[in-house]
Protein backbone atom coordinates (compact mmCIF):
# COMPACT_ATOMS: atom_id res chain seq x y z
CA MET A 1 89.94 64.50 147.09
CA ASN A 2 87.89 61.53 146.49
CA ALA A 3 84.83 61.62 144.69
CA THR A 4 81.66 60.26 147.12
CA ALA A 5 79.40 57.50 145.73
CA ASP A 6 76.96 59.97 144.73
CA ASP A 7 79.40 62.14 143.05
CA ARG A 8 80.48 59.29 140.84
CA ALA A 9 76.62 58.66 140.19
CA THR A 10 76.52 62.13 138.57
CA MET A 11 79.08 61.03 136.22
CA ILE A 12 77.32 58.06 134.80
CA ASP A 13 74.70 60.20 132.59
CA PRO A 14 72.08 61.17 135.52
CA VAL A 15 68.40 61.05 134.07
CA VAL A 16 66.74 62.09 137.35
CA VAL A 17 68.27 64.28 140.21
CA ALA A 18 66.22 65.10 142.98
CA ARG A 19 67.85 67.40 145.87
CA GLY A 20 66.33 68.46 149.14
CA LEU A 21 63.06 67.75 147.71
CA ASP A 22 59.80 68.56 149.70
CA LEU A 23 56.27 68.35 148.79
CA THR A 24 53.79 69.64 151.07
CA PHE A 25 49.95 69.52 150.16
CA GLN A 26 47.70 72.20 151.62
CA THR A 27 44.18 70.52 152.64
CA ASN A 28 41.33 71.42 154.77
CA ASP A 29 42.55 69.80 157.93
CA GLY A 30 46.18 71.60 157.33
CA PRO A 31 49.19 70.79 155.78
CA VAL A 32 50.07 67.20 154.77
CA GLU A 33 53.96 66.54 154.32
CA ALA A 34 54.12 63.94 151.33
CA LEU A 35 57.89 64.33 150.69
CA LYS A 36 60.52 65.62 153.19
CA ASP A 37 64.15 65.97 152.01
CA VAL A 38 64.47 63.45 149.32
CA ASN A 39 67.75 63.02 147.82
CA LEU A 40 68.31 60.61 144.68
CA THR A 41 70.04 60.38 141.42
CA ILE A 42 68.76 58.06 138.73
CA ASN A 43 71.19 57.02 136.14
CA LYS A 44 70.50 56.18 132.21
CA GLY A 45 69.41 52.57 132.23
CA ASP A 46 68.67 52.20 135.85
CA PHE A 47 65.68 49.97 136.83
CA VAL A 48 64.67 51.88 139.96
CA SER A 49 61.90 50.28 142.21
CA PHE A 50 60.30 52.38 145.15
CA ILE A 51 59.06 50.37 147.95
CA GLY A 52 57.17 51.61 151.15
CA PRO A 53 54.04 51.44 152.93
CA SER A 54 50.83 53.07 151.64
CA GLY A 55 51.02 56.53 151.79
CA CYS A 56 54.66 57.20 151.97
CA GLY A 57 55.20 59.12 148.93
CA LYS A 58 56.18 56.57 146.37
CA THR A 59 53.44 57.49 143.57
CA THR A 60 54.06 61.22 144.75
CA PHE A 61 57.61 61.20 143.71
CA LEU A 62 56.96 59.69 140.20
CA ARG A 63 54.24 62.06 139.84
CA VAL A 64 56.70 64.79 140.58
CA MET A 65 58.97 63.38 137.98
CA ALA A 66 56.16 63.48 135.50
CA ALA A 67 55.21 67.27 136.38
CA LEU A 68 51.92 65.98 137.71
CA GLU A 69 52.90 67.07 141.21
CA HIS A 70 54.87 70.24 141.88
CA PRO A 71 57.49 70.15 144.84
CA THR A 72 57.18 72.66 147.40
CA GLY A 73 61.22 72.74 148.23
CA GLY A 74 64.15 71.64 147.10
CA THR A 75 64.94 70.80 143.15
CA VAL A 76 64.23 67.79 140.53
CA SER A 77 65.63 67.47 137.13
CA VAL A 78 64.71 65.15 134.66
CA ASN A 79 67.34 64.78 131.62
CA GLY A 80 68.53 68.10 132.73
CA MET A 81 65.45 69.90 132.56
CA SER A 82 62.55 70.76 134.75
CA PRO A 83 59.65 68.21 134.91
CA ASP A 84 57.65 70.63 133.05
CA GLU A 85 60.29 70.98 130.26
CA ALA A 86 60.79 67.05 129.99
CA ARG A 87 57.19 66.36 129.68
CA ARG A 88 56.94 68.73 126.93
CA ASN A 89 59.94 67.10 125.21
CA ARG A 90 57.97 63.85 125.63
CA ALA A 91 60.97 62.54 127.78
CA TYR A 92 58.61 59.52 129.67
CA GLY A 93 55.75 57.28 129.36
CA TYR A 94 53.62 56.64 132.06
CA VAL A 95 51.94 53.38 133.17
CA PHE A 96 48.92 53.72 135.82
CA GLN A 97 47.78 51.31 138.17
CA ALA A 98 44.81 50.29 136.30
CA ALA A 99 45.49 49.86 132.27
CA GLY A 100 42.83 53.04 131.42
CA LEU A 101 42.03 51.50 128.00
CA TYR A 102 39.29 53.14 126.18
CA PRO A 103 36.58 50.14 125.67
CA TRP A 104 35.70 51.41 122.76
CA ARG A 105 38.87 51.56 120.77
CA THR A 106 40.80 48.66 120.03
CA ILE A 107 44.02 47.85 121.37
CA ALA A 108 45.85 49.47 118.28
CA GLY A 109 43.46 52.34 118.51
CA ASN A 110 44.43 52.71 122.09
CA ILE A 111 48.04 52.51 121.70
CA LYS A 112 47.77 55.08 118.64
CA LEU A 113 46.01 57.60 120.81
CA PRO A 114 49.18 59.54 122.18
CA LEU A 115 50.61 59.21 118.60
CA GLU A 116 47.48 60.99 117.09
CA ILE A 117 47.69 63.69 120.17
CA MET A 118 51.19 64.34 118.83
CA GLY A 119 50.65 64.61 115.25
CA PHE A 120 52.35 61.80 113.81
CA ALA A 121 51.79 60.46 110.42
CA ARG A 122 49.30 57.81 109.82
CA SER A 123 51.80 55.51 108.24
CA GLU A 124 54.24 56.17 111.16
CA GLN A 125 51.46 55.37 113.72
CA GLU A 126 51.11 52.20 112.00
CA HIS A 127 54.80 51.31 112.21
CA ARG A 128 55.06 52.08 115.86
CA VAL A 129 52.14 50.44 117.02
CA ASN A 130 53.14 47.35 115.12
CA LYS A 131 56.67 47.29 116.32
CA VAL A 132 55.66 47.81 120.30
CA LEU A 133 53.07 45.21 119.84
CA GLN A 134 55.78 42.79 119.19
CA LEU A 135 57.76 44.04 122.16
CA VAL A 136 55.09 43.13 124.41
CA ASP A 137 54.30 40.01 122.85
CA LEU A 138 50.88 41.20 121.47
CA GLU A 139 51.52 40.65 118.03
CA GLY A 140 48.04 39.75 116.41
CA PHE A 141 45.97 41.53 119.38
CA GLY A 142 45.98 44.91 117.70
CA LYS A 143 42.12 44.42 116.38
CA LYS A 144 40.76 43.15 119.62
CA PHE A 145 39.14 45.38 122.07
CA PRO A 146 40.34 45.50 126.02
CA TRP A 147 37.21 43.30 127.34
CA GLN A 148 38.43 40.65 125.02
CA LEU A 149 41.97 40.41 126.68
CA SER A 150 42.96 39.32 129.95
CA GLY A 151 43.93 41.91 132.74
CA GLY A 152 47.59 40.65 132.28
CA MET A 153 47.41 41.23 128.68
CA GLN A 154 45.57 45.03 128.98
CA GLN A 155 48.26 45.72 131.21
CA ARG A 156 50.82 44.89 128.47
CA ALA A 157 48.85 47.04 125.98
CA SER A 158 49.11 49.94 128.27
CA ILE A 159 52.88 49.58 128.68
CA ALA A 160 52.81 49.46 124.53
CA ARG A 161 50.92 52.80 124.67
CA ALA A 162 53.81 54.30 126.99
CA LEU A 163 56.26 53.06 124.58
CA ALA A 164 54.61 54.00 121.45
CA PHE A 165 56.49 57.17 121.20
CA ASP A 166 59.57 56.00 122.37
CA ALA A 167 60.38 57.98 125.32
CA GLU A 168 63.80 57.15 127.17
CA ILE A 169 62.21 56.78 130.48
CA LEU A 170 59.30 54.79 131.53
CA LEU A 171 57.43 55.45 134.77
CA MET A 172 55.24 52.68 136.23
CA ASP A 173 52.86 52.87 139.10
CA GLU A 174 52.17 49.57 140.89
CA PRO A 175 51.02 48.18 137.10
CA PHE A 176 50.92 44.34 138.25
CA GLY A 177 49.15 44.94 141.92
CA ALA A 178 45.81 43.89 140.98
CA LEU A 179 47.09 40.80 139.29
CA ASP A 180 47.23 37.32 140.56
CA GLU A 181 50.80 35.79 141.43
CA ILE A 182 51.24 33.48 138.69
CA VAL A 183 50.41 36.36 135.91
CA ARG A 184 52.55 38.82 137.96
CA ASP A 185 55.44 36.35 137.54
CA HIS A 186 55.01 36.08 134.09
CA LEU A 187 54.52 39.79 133.54
CA ASN A 188 57.84 40.42 135.61
CA GLU A 189 60.05 38.27 133.29
CA GLN A 190 58.41 40.08 130.41
CA LEU A 191 59.07 43.37 131.71
CA LEU A 192 62.88 42.35 132.71
CA ALA A 193 63.35 40.92 128.98
CA LEU A 194 61.68 44.36 127.73
CA TRP A 195 63.76 46.64 129.75
CA GLU A 196 67.00 44.71 128.31
CA ARG A 197 65.69 45.06 124.60
CA THR A 198 64.77 48.74 125.13
CA GLU A 199 67.44 49.87 127.48
CA LYS A 200 64.94 52.39 128.96
CA THR A 201 65.35 53.95 132.05
CA ILE A 202 62.49 52.80 134.54
CA GLY A 203 61.08 53.97 137.58
CA PHE A 204 58.70 51.53 139.24
CA VAL A 205 56.43 51.53 142.27
CA THR A 206 55.53 48.43 144.12
CA HIS A 207 54.35 47.15 147.54
CA SER A 208 56.24 43.62 146.69
CA ILE A 209 59.41 42.85 148.60
CA PRO A 210 60.01 39.95 146.06
CA GLU A 211 58.91 42.13 142.84
CA ALA A 212 61.49 45.09 143.95
CA VAL A 213 64.31 42.64 144.18
CA TYR A 214 63.69 40.52 141.21
CA LEU A 215 63.38 43.53 138.92
CA SER A 216 65.65 46.34 140.12
CA THR A 217 69.22 47.60 139.52
CA LYS A 218 68.30 50.00 142.53
CA ILE A 219 65.80 49.56 145.21
CA VAL A 220 64.58 52.87 146.93
CA VAL A 221 62.94 52.36 150.42
CA MET A 222 60.81 55.02 151.92
CA SER A 223 59.35 55.71 155.32
CA PRO A 224 55.79 56.42 155.99
CA ARG A 225 54.46 59.94 155.87
CA PRO A 226 56.10 62.39 155.66
CA GLY A 227 58.04 60.19 152.73
CA ARG A 228 61.73 60.15 153.19
CA ILE A 229 64.43 57.79 151.67
CA THR A 230 65.74 55.35 154.23
CA ASP A 231 67.59 53.30 152.19
CA VAL A 232 68.89 52.79 148.57
CA ILE A 233 70.31 49.37 147.66
CA GLU A 234 72.38 48.89 144.58
CA SER A 235 71.50 45.09 143.31
CA PRO A 236 74.25 42.68 143.38
CA LEU A 237 72.26 40.35 141.17
CA PRO A 238 73.28 39.82 137.75
CA LYS A 239 71.32 40.96 134.70
CA GLU A 240 69.99 37.79 133.52
CA ARG A 241 67.63 36.95 136.13
CA PRO A 242 65.38 33.50 136.08
CA LEU A 243 62.58 33.51 138.23
CA ASP A 244 64.29 30.78 140.46
CA ILE A 245 66.93 33.66 141.30
CA ARG A 246 64.61 34.25 144.16
CA ASP A 247 65.45 31.30 145.80
CA THR A 248 69.31 32.32 145.91
CA PRO A 249 71.34 33.15 149.14
CA GLU A 250 71.84 36.78 147.48
CA PHE A 251 68.43 37.40 146.55
CA LEU A 252 67.38 36.52 149.93
CA ALA A 253 69.94 38.93 151.44
CA VAL A 254 68.85 41.99 149.74
CA ALA A 255 65.22 40.96 150.25
CA HIS A 256 66.31 41.06 154.01
CA ARG A 257 67.89 44.45 153.81
CA VAL A 258 64.69 45.80 152.22
CA ARG A 259 62.59 44.25 155.06
CA GLU A 260 64.95 46.04 157.62
CA GLY A 261 64.71 49.27 155.79
CA LEU A 262 61.14 49.11 155.78
CA ARG A 263 60.98 48.41 159.45
CA ALA A 264 63.53 51.18 160.28
CA GLY A 265 61.55 53.81 158.39
CA HIS A 266 58.69 53.32 160.80
CA ALA A 267 60.85 54.91 163.46
CA TYR A 268 59.88 58.36 162.31
CA ASP A 269 56.08 57.38 163.54
């Protein structure tokens, strides 16, 4: 019997596996279905973008992976463990929409914070901070305070903080959404270069079709509430992606498929 595409995916070092995943929030106005029958496999080294309209469950699914929300049905595993176990094993770093840097701490001090909490030796903290500052092109800015950096630099510092304890998985919740297009393009290029250097598995939430297509090896298109997956697109684009790849027929074809998937999702309304 021939293996299905999903069976083959599970043979390639799956990192996140969701099967029949449901999440219903209980509110004063009654139950709200945030996720419904979500099935997805994310493999080691994937860059997976989640795209869909506001309220479709993109961030909720990311938070389920991070054990910040708990499903009410189905199963999800991270590195073969429950999300709670994965959190205790420091399997992932999380980058939020806002940089969330403490203004009274220097950039280096902000990056050190999770390392201090985890009990790393001071010398190891210094080594790791210097390493991740280099990774995100902020070498020499460790002694600055957040208010002395641009919005884009603050987000890079937030990414550095998430990378400091060398988690295998990086979860990013629309980290560039508030930035202007020029800065966003630059950070997209830098993020791809960072992903290539570190070989992390990345889950990335976005509302931008060009951003999703440019960054991803796999694009997950989601419908309005209750959040369902309407399409999973394996990118045909090469790993090396200059910005002008966005003008190629291959790029535009993937963007068109994403757009069609978003339209199809509204059929659930």
